[in-house]
């Protein structure tokens, strides 16, 4: 899918032609769309389609006619009827006449620009646009990390009495997400540092320098948060694996104690259930022998139960 946007100081609109100062947004573009854009702006088709590889690493590539920036962005996906975060590459290509973004999927990151919910956003201010994308991306990572932290707290409240593995598996999925986030954030940090350095050929104004510095700070904060949440999740996973095992052991111990308590009346009833000729079984011939035997059996079982409770085994 290809979308072309053009803005002026007063309006922002989607157009059909490839004009100077436009923003071209490619979402999983076809080969023909990629060839069209590559030929129109003198871009190597390999660079244009590189961000469509889900394993592509974040980097900055400077060519004679354009600059390619690839960063990882967070998105959500459904796995086992639950929502988790993953990261995919976003390519930003800066040319003399336009800025091009390309990605495998439609990104919430770019919706804020498409729906014009950001102040001081203009497609013809290409360098500023790039820095705004990077800053917004860093904010999305922080939002995603806070969401992961809230989700881990919800799982924690369920794990105290749990004897199943579902919550533990979900906790491990969150831990895996944190690992992916840390890897993506560190490569993104290198990209931002390269853009901040004096060797970058992207023109920057004073406001852009401040925006880039804020973006770097947000990214580093996200890395620190990912480290903290990752350590917490690892500790929680180990702790609650032990809790689940302990809960299962408690259930087995309770069942074993119930078996011990119930074995006493079973033994007594089994003895009185045997048939002997001219037997001398106690209480034989008593008119209320049945109720007396029942009372004795359950009195012994009750006494044993009280004893076990006193020893805090029940």
Protein backbone atom coordinates (compact mmCIF):
# COMPACT_ATOMS: atom_id res chain seq x y z
CA UNK A 1 0.00 0.00 0.00
CA UNK A 2 1.24 3.44 -0.90
CA UNK A 3 0.08 6.75 0.59
CA UNK A 4 1.38 10.18 -0.38
CA UNK A 5 0.87 13.16 1.94
CA UNK A 6 1.62 16.83 1.45
CA UNK A 7 1.31 19.60 3.97
CA UNK A 8 1.54 23.36 3.88
CA UNK A 9 1.48 25.80 6.74
CA UNK A 10 -2.33 25.69 6.66
CA UNK A 11 -3.39 22.21 5.51
CA UNK A 12 -2.44 18.53 5.39
CA UNK A 13 -3.83 16.30 2.66
CA UNK A 14 -3.35 13.02 0.83
CA UNK A 15 -2.47 13.38 -2.85
CA UNK A 16 -1.90 11.07 -5.82
CA UNK A 17 1.23 12.55 -7.36
CA UNK A 18 4.87 12.39 -6.22
CA UNK A 19 5.64 16.06 -5.58
CA UNK A 20 8.52 17.79 -3.87
CA UNK A 21 8.10 18.07 -0.10
CA UNK A 22 5.83 15.03 0.20
CA UNK A 23 5.79 12.18 2.68
CA UNK A 24 5.41 8.75 1.06
CA UNK A 25 4.22 6.03 3.43
CA UNK A 26 4.69 2.46 2.17
CA UNK A 27 3.03 -0.40 4.06
CA UNK A 28 4.19 -3.82 2.83
CA UNK A 29 4.58 -2.40 -0.69
CA UNK A 30 4.42 -4.60 -3.77
CA UNK A 31 7.45 -5.01 -6.00
CA UNK A 32 5.94 -2.66 -8.59
CA UNK A 33 5.30 0.07 -5.98
CA UNK A 34 8.85 -0.29 -4.70
CA UNK A 35 10.30 -0.03 -8.23
CA UNK A 36 8.18 3.07 -8.92
CA UNK A 37 9.42 4.89 -5.81
CA UNK A 38 13.01 3.73 -6.28
CA UNK A 39 13.12 5.00 -9.85
CA UNK A 40 11.39 8.28 -8.99
CA UNK A 41 13.89 9.23 -6.28
CA UNK A 42 17.04 7.38 -7.32
CA UNK A 43 17.01 4.88 -4.45
CA UNK A 44 18.58 1.44 -4.52
CA UNK A 45 15.70 -1.05 -4.51
CA UNK A 46 17.59 -3.20 -1.98
CA UNK A 47 17.70 -0.31 0.51
CA UNK A 48 14.03 0.49 -0.09
CA UNK A 49 12.93 -3.08 0.66
CA UNK A 50 15.45 -3.79 3.44
CA UNK A 51 13.01 -2.74 6.24
CA UNK A 52 10.55 -5.38 4.99
CA UNK A 53 12.85 -8.02 6.46
CA UNK A 54 11.62 -8.61 10.02
CA UNK A 55 15.18 -9.45 11.13
CA UNK A 56 16.79 -6.29 9.73
CA UNK A 57 18.98 -4.47 12.27
CA UNK A 58 18.73 -0.76 13.10
CA UNK A 59 21.32 1.29 11.24
CA UNK A 60 22.07 4.48 9.33
CA UNK A 61 23.28 4.22 5.72
CA UNK A 62 24.42 7.38 3.93
CA UNK A 63 24.42 7.34 0.12
CA UNK A 64 25.07 10.11 -2.40
CA UNK A 65 21.40 10.86 -3.10
CA UNK A 66 19.67 9.71 0.09
CA UNK A 67 20.05 8.62 3.71
CA UNK A 68 18.50 5.38 4.99
CA UNK A 69 17.57 5.11 8.66
CA UNK A 70 16.22 1.85 10.07
CA UNK A 71 14.88 1.64 13.63
CA UNK A 72 12.88 -0.98 15.51
CA UNK A 73 9.37 0.02 16.57
CA UNK A 74 7.04 -1.73 19.05
CA UNK A 75 3.72 -3.19 17.90
CA UNK A 76 1.22 -5.63 19.41
CA UNK A 77 0.37 -9.11 18.17
CA UNK A 78 -2.01 -11.87 19.26
CA UNK A 79 -0.54 -15.13 20.55
CA UNK A 80 -2.65 -17.81 22.28
CA UNK A 81 -5.57 -15.38 22.49
CA UNK A 82 -3.43 -12.89 24.41
CA UNK A 83 -1.82 -9.61 23.32
CA UNK A 84 1.96 -9.28 23.46
CA UNK A 85 4.50 -6.75 22.18
CA UNK A 86 7.02 -7.42 19.43
CA UNK A 87 9.31 -5.15 17.42
CA UNK A 88 9.61 -4.76 13.65
CA UNK A 89 11.88 -2.54 11.51
CA UNK A 90 10.77 0.83 10.19
CA UNK A 91 12.72 2.34 7.32
CA UNK A 92 12.99 6.12 6.90
CA UNK A 93 14.56 7.34 3.68
CA UNK A 94 15.49 11.00 3.36
CA UNK A 95 15.95 12.33 -0.17
CA UNK A 96 16.36 15.81 -1.58
CA UNK A 97 12.67 16.03 -2.51
CA UNK A 98 10.76 13.75 -0.15
CA UNK A 99 10.77 11.56 2.92
CA UNK A 100 9.77 7.92 2.58
CA UNK A 101 8.72 5.54 5.35
CA UNK A 102 8.40 1.82 4.68
CA UNK A 103 7.36 -1.04 6.94
CA UNK A 104 5.78 -4.50 6.87
CA UNK A 105 2.68 -3.46 8.80
CA UNK A 106 0.59 -0.41 9.49
CA UNK A 107 2.11 1.31 12.51
CA UNK A 108 0.32 3.12 15.35
CA UNK A 109 3.53 5.18 15.51
CA UNK A 110 2.68 6.89 12.21
CA UNK A 111 -1.05 7.28 12.86
CA UNK A 112 -0.38 10.34 14.99
CA UNK A 113 1.16 12.02 11.94
CA UNK A 114 -1.43 10.76 9.44
CA UNK A 115 -4.26 12.08 11.61
CA UNK A 116 -2.35 15.30 12.32
CA UNK A 117 -2.37 14.98 16.09
CA UNK A 118 1.08 16.49 16.50
CA UNK A 119 1.87 20.17 16.54
CA UNK A 120 4.58 21.65 14.30
CA UNK A 121 4.50 18.71 11.89
CA UNK A 122 5.04 19.48 8.22
CA UNK A 123 6.05 17.06 5.47
CA UNK A 124 8.39 19.60 3.88
CA UNK A 125 10.39 19.88 7.14
CA UNK A 126 11.96 16.50 6.48
CA UNK A 127 14.71 16.50 9.12
CA UNK A 128 12.31 17.65 11.83
CA UNK A 129 9.87 14.93 10.73
CA UNK A 130 12.52 12.22 11.18
CA UNK A 131 13.39 13.42 14.68
CA UNK A 132 9.70 13.60 15.60
CA UNK A 133 9.25 9.97 14.50
CA UNK A 134 12.23 8.89 16.60
CA UNK A 135 11.00 10.81 19.65
CA UNK A 136 7.50 9.38 19.34
CA UNK A 137 9.00 5.89 18.95
CA UNK A 138 10.96 6.28 22.21
CA UNK A 139 7.73 7.35 23.96
CA UNK A 140 5.94 4.26 22.62
CA UNK A 141 8.61 2.03 24.13
CA UNK A 142 8.11 3.67 27.52
CA UNK A 143 4.33 3.24 27.24
CA UNK A 144 4.75 -0.42 26.27
CA UNK A 145 7.12 -1.06 29.19
CA UNK A 146 4.63 0.46 31.65
CA UNK A 147 1.91 -1.74 30.16
CA UNK A 148 4.13 -4.81 30.62
CA UNK A 149 4.76 -3.82 34.24
CA UNK A 150 1.01 -3.51 34.93
CA UNK A 151 0.38 -6.86 33.28
CA UNK A 152 3.07 -8.53 35.39
CA UNK A 153 1.43 -7.18 38.54
CA UNK A 154 -1.90 -8.68 37.47
CA UNK A 155 -0.24 -12.05 36.88
CA UNK A 156 1.52 -11.79 40.25
CA UNK A 157 -1.81 -11.44 42.06
CA UNK A 158 -3.01 -14.68 40.42
CA UNK A 159 0.13 -16.70 41.08
CA UNK A 160 0.05 -16.81 44.88
CA UNK A 161 -2.60 -19.54 44.94
CA UNK A 162 -1.92 -21.01 41.50
CA UNK A 163 -1.00 -24.64 40.90
CA UNK A 164 -1.09 -24.38 37.10
CA UNK A 165 1.56 -23.29 34.62
CA UNK A 166 -0.52 -20.85 32.52
CA UNK A 167 0.39 -17.78 34.56
CA UNK A 168 4.03 -18.81 34.68
CA UNK A 169 4.12 -19.23 30.90
CA UNK A 170 2.55 -15.79 30.47
CA UNK A 171 5.20 -14.34 32.77
CA UNK A 172 7.91 -15.95 30.66
CA UNK A 173 6.37 -14.42 27.51
CA UNK A 174 6.64 -10.97 29.11
CA UNK A 175 10.24 -11.68 30.02
CA UNK A 176 10.95 -12.64 26.41
CA UNK A 177 9.36 -9.38 25.24
CA UNK A 178 11.63 -7.40 27.56
CA UNK A 179 14.68 -9.14 26.06
CA UNK A 180 13.58 -8.16 22.54
CA UNK A 181 12.90 -4.60 23.69
CA UNK A 182 16.37 -4.24 25.23
CA UNK A 183 18.05 -5.45 22.05
CA UNK A 184 15.97 -3.09 19.88
CA UNK A 185 16.44 -0.11 22.18
CA UNK A 186 20.21 -0.50 22.26
CA UNK A 187 20.45 -0.55 18.46
CA UNK A 188 18.07 2.40 18.27
CA UNK A 189 20.29 4.25 20.72
CA UNK A 190 23.28 3.78 18.42
CA UNK A 191 21.26 5.18 15.51
CA UNK A 192 20.22 8.26 17.50
CA UNK A 193 23.79 8.84 18.69
CA UNK A 194 24.99 8.70 15.09
CA UNK A 195 22.35 11.23 14.05
CA UNK A 196 23.35 13.44 17.00
CA UNK A 197 27.03 13.36 16.09
CA UNK A 198 28.70 15.99 13.96
CA UNK A 199 29.35 13.42 11.21
CA UNK A 200 25.64 13.19 10.40
CA UNK A 201 24.80 14.82 7.06
CA UNK A 202 21.19 15.56 8.09
CA UNK A 203 20.63 19.26 8.48
CA UNK A 204 19.62 20.23 12.01
CA UNK A 205 18.34 23.45 13.52
CA UNK A 206 18.61 24.44 17.17
CA UNK A 207 15.16 23.04 17.96
CA UNK A 208 16.10 19.80 16.24
CA UNK A 209 19.19 19.44 18.41
CA UNK A 210 17.00 19.74 21.51
CA UNK A 211 14.52 17.20 20.09
CA UNK A 212 17.30 14.73 19.32
CA UNK A 213 18.74 15.14 22.80
CA UNK A 214 15.31 14.51 24.32
CA UNK A 215 14.92 11.44 22.09
CA UNK A 216 18.26 10.06 23.28
CA UNK A 217 17.28 10.66 26.91
CA UNK A 218 13.91 8.93 26.41
CA UNK A 219 15.60 5.98 24.71
CA UNK A 220 18.18 5.61 27.49
CA UNK A 221 15.40 5.84 30.07
CA UNK A 222 13.55 3.07 28.24
CA UNK A 223 16.71 0.92 28.30
CA UNK A 224 17.04 1.44 32.05
CA UNK A 225 13.36 0.60 32.58
CA UNK A 226 13.74 -2.54 30.45
CA UNK A 227 16.73 -3.58 32.60
CA UNK A 228 14.77 -3.04 35.82
CA UNK A 229 11.60 -4.77 34.62
CA UNK A 230 13.66 -7.61 33.13
CA UNK A 231 15.38 -8.24 36.47
CA UNK A 232 12.05 -8.10 38.29
CA UNK A 233 10.43 -10.54 35.86
CA UNK A 234 13.33 -12.98 36.11
CA UNK A 235 13.09 -12.91 39.90
CA UNK A 236 9.30 -13.31 39.77
CA UNK A 237 9.56 -16.25 37.37
CA UNK A 238 12.00 -18.12 39.62
CA UNK A 239 10.08 -17.29 42.78
CA UNK A 240 6.67 -18.23 41.47
CA UNK A 241 7.96 -21.44 39.90
CA UNK A 242 8.89 -22.41 43.46
CA UNK A 243 5.51 -21.20 44.79
CA UNK A 244 3.59 -23.29 42.26
CA UNK A 245 5.67 -26.34 43.17
CA UNK A 246 5.09 -25.66 46.88
CA UNK A 247 1.33 -25.26 46.33
CA UNK A 248 1.24 -28.62 44.57
CA UNK A 249 3.22 -30.20 47.42
CA UNK A 250 0.72 -28.80 49.94
CA UNK A 251 -2.16 -30.37 48.04
CA UNK A 252 -0.41 -33.74 47.96
CA UNK A 253 0.39 -33.47 51.69
CA UNK A 254 -3.26 -32.70 52.50
CA UNK A 255 -4.46 -35.68 50.46
CA UNK A 256 -1.93 -37.93 52.19
CA UNK A 257 -3.08 -36.76 55.65
CA UNK A 258 -6.74 -37.30 54.74
CA UNK A 259 -5.83 -40.80 53.63
CA UNK A 260 -4.12 -41.47 56.99
CA UNK A 261 -7.10 -40.18 58.98
CA UNK A 262 -9.63 -42.20 56.94
CA UNK A 263 -7.52 -45.37 57.17
CA UNK A 264 -8.39 -45.82 60.87
CA UNK A 265 -12.17 -46.30 60.47
CA UNK A 266 -11.46 -48.34 57.35
CA UNK A 267 -9.31 -50.78 59.35
CA UNK A 268 -11.91 -51.07 62.11
CA UNK A 269 -14.81 -51.60 59.71
CA UNK A 270 -12.75 -54.16 57.77
CA UNK A 271 -12.10 -56.13 60.96
CA UNK A 272 -15.76 -56.18 61.90
CA UNK A 273 -16.72 -57.09 58.38
CA UNK A 274 -14.97 -60.46 58.58
CA UNK A 275 -17.03 -63.58 59.36
CA UNK A 276 -15.88 -66.07 62.01
CA UNK A 277 -17.62 -69.12 63.45
CA UNK A 278 -18.27 -68.63 67.14
CA UNK A 279 -16.23 -65.42 67.02
CA UNK A 280 -15.21 -63.48 70.09
CA UNK A 281 -15.09 -60.03 68.43
CA UNK A 282 -15.50 -57.26 71.05
CA UNK A 283 -19.05 -55.99 71.50
CA UNK A 284 -20.41 -59.09 69.78
CA UNK A 285 -24.00 -59.50 70.91
CA UNK A 286 -24.35 -55.94 72.20
CA UNK A 287 -27.67 -54.40 71.03
CA UNK A 288 -26.02 -51.06 70.12
CA UNK A 289 -22.69 -52.44 68.91
CA UNK A 290 -22.94 -50.79 65.46
CA UNK A 291 -23.25 -47.27 66.86
CA UNK A 292 -20.59 -47.88 69.50
CA UNK A 293 -18.10 -49.06 66.86
CA UNK A 294 -18.95 -46.07 64.63
CA UNK A 295 -18.39 -43.71 67.56
CA UNK A 296 -15.05 -45.28 68.47
CA UNK A 297 -13.78 -45.20 64.86
CA UNK A 298 -14.66 -41.56 64.24
CA UNK A 299 -13.53 -40.51 67.73
CA UNK A 300 -10.07 -41.89 66.97
CA UNK A 301 -10.07 -40.22 63.54
CA UNK A 302 -11.23 -36.93 65.08
CA UNK A 303 -8.53 -37.09 67.75
CA UNK A 304 -5.88 -37.74 65.08
CA UNK A 305 -7.19 -34.80 63.04
CA UNK A 306 -6.98 -32.47 66.06
CA UNK A 307 -3.46 -33.69 66.76
CA UNK A 308 -2.34 -33.06 63.16
CA UNK A 309 -3.93 -29.61 63.21
CA UNK A 310 -2.17 -28.84 66.47
CA UNK A 311 1.12 -29.78 64.79
CA UNK A 312 0.10 -27.51 61.87
CA UNK A 313 0.32 -30.35 59.42
CA UNK A 314 -3.23 -29.76 58.17
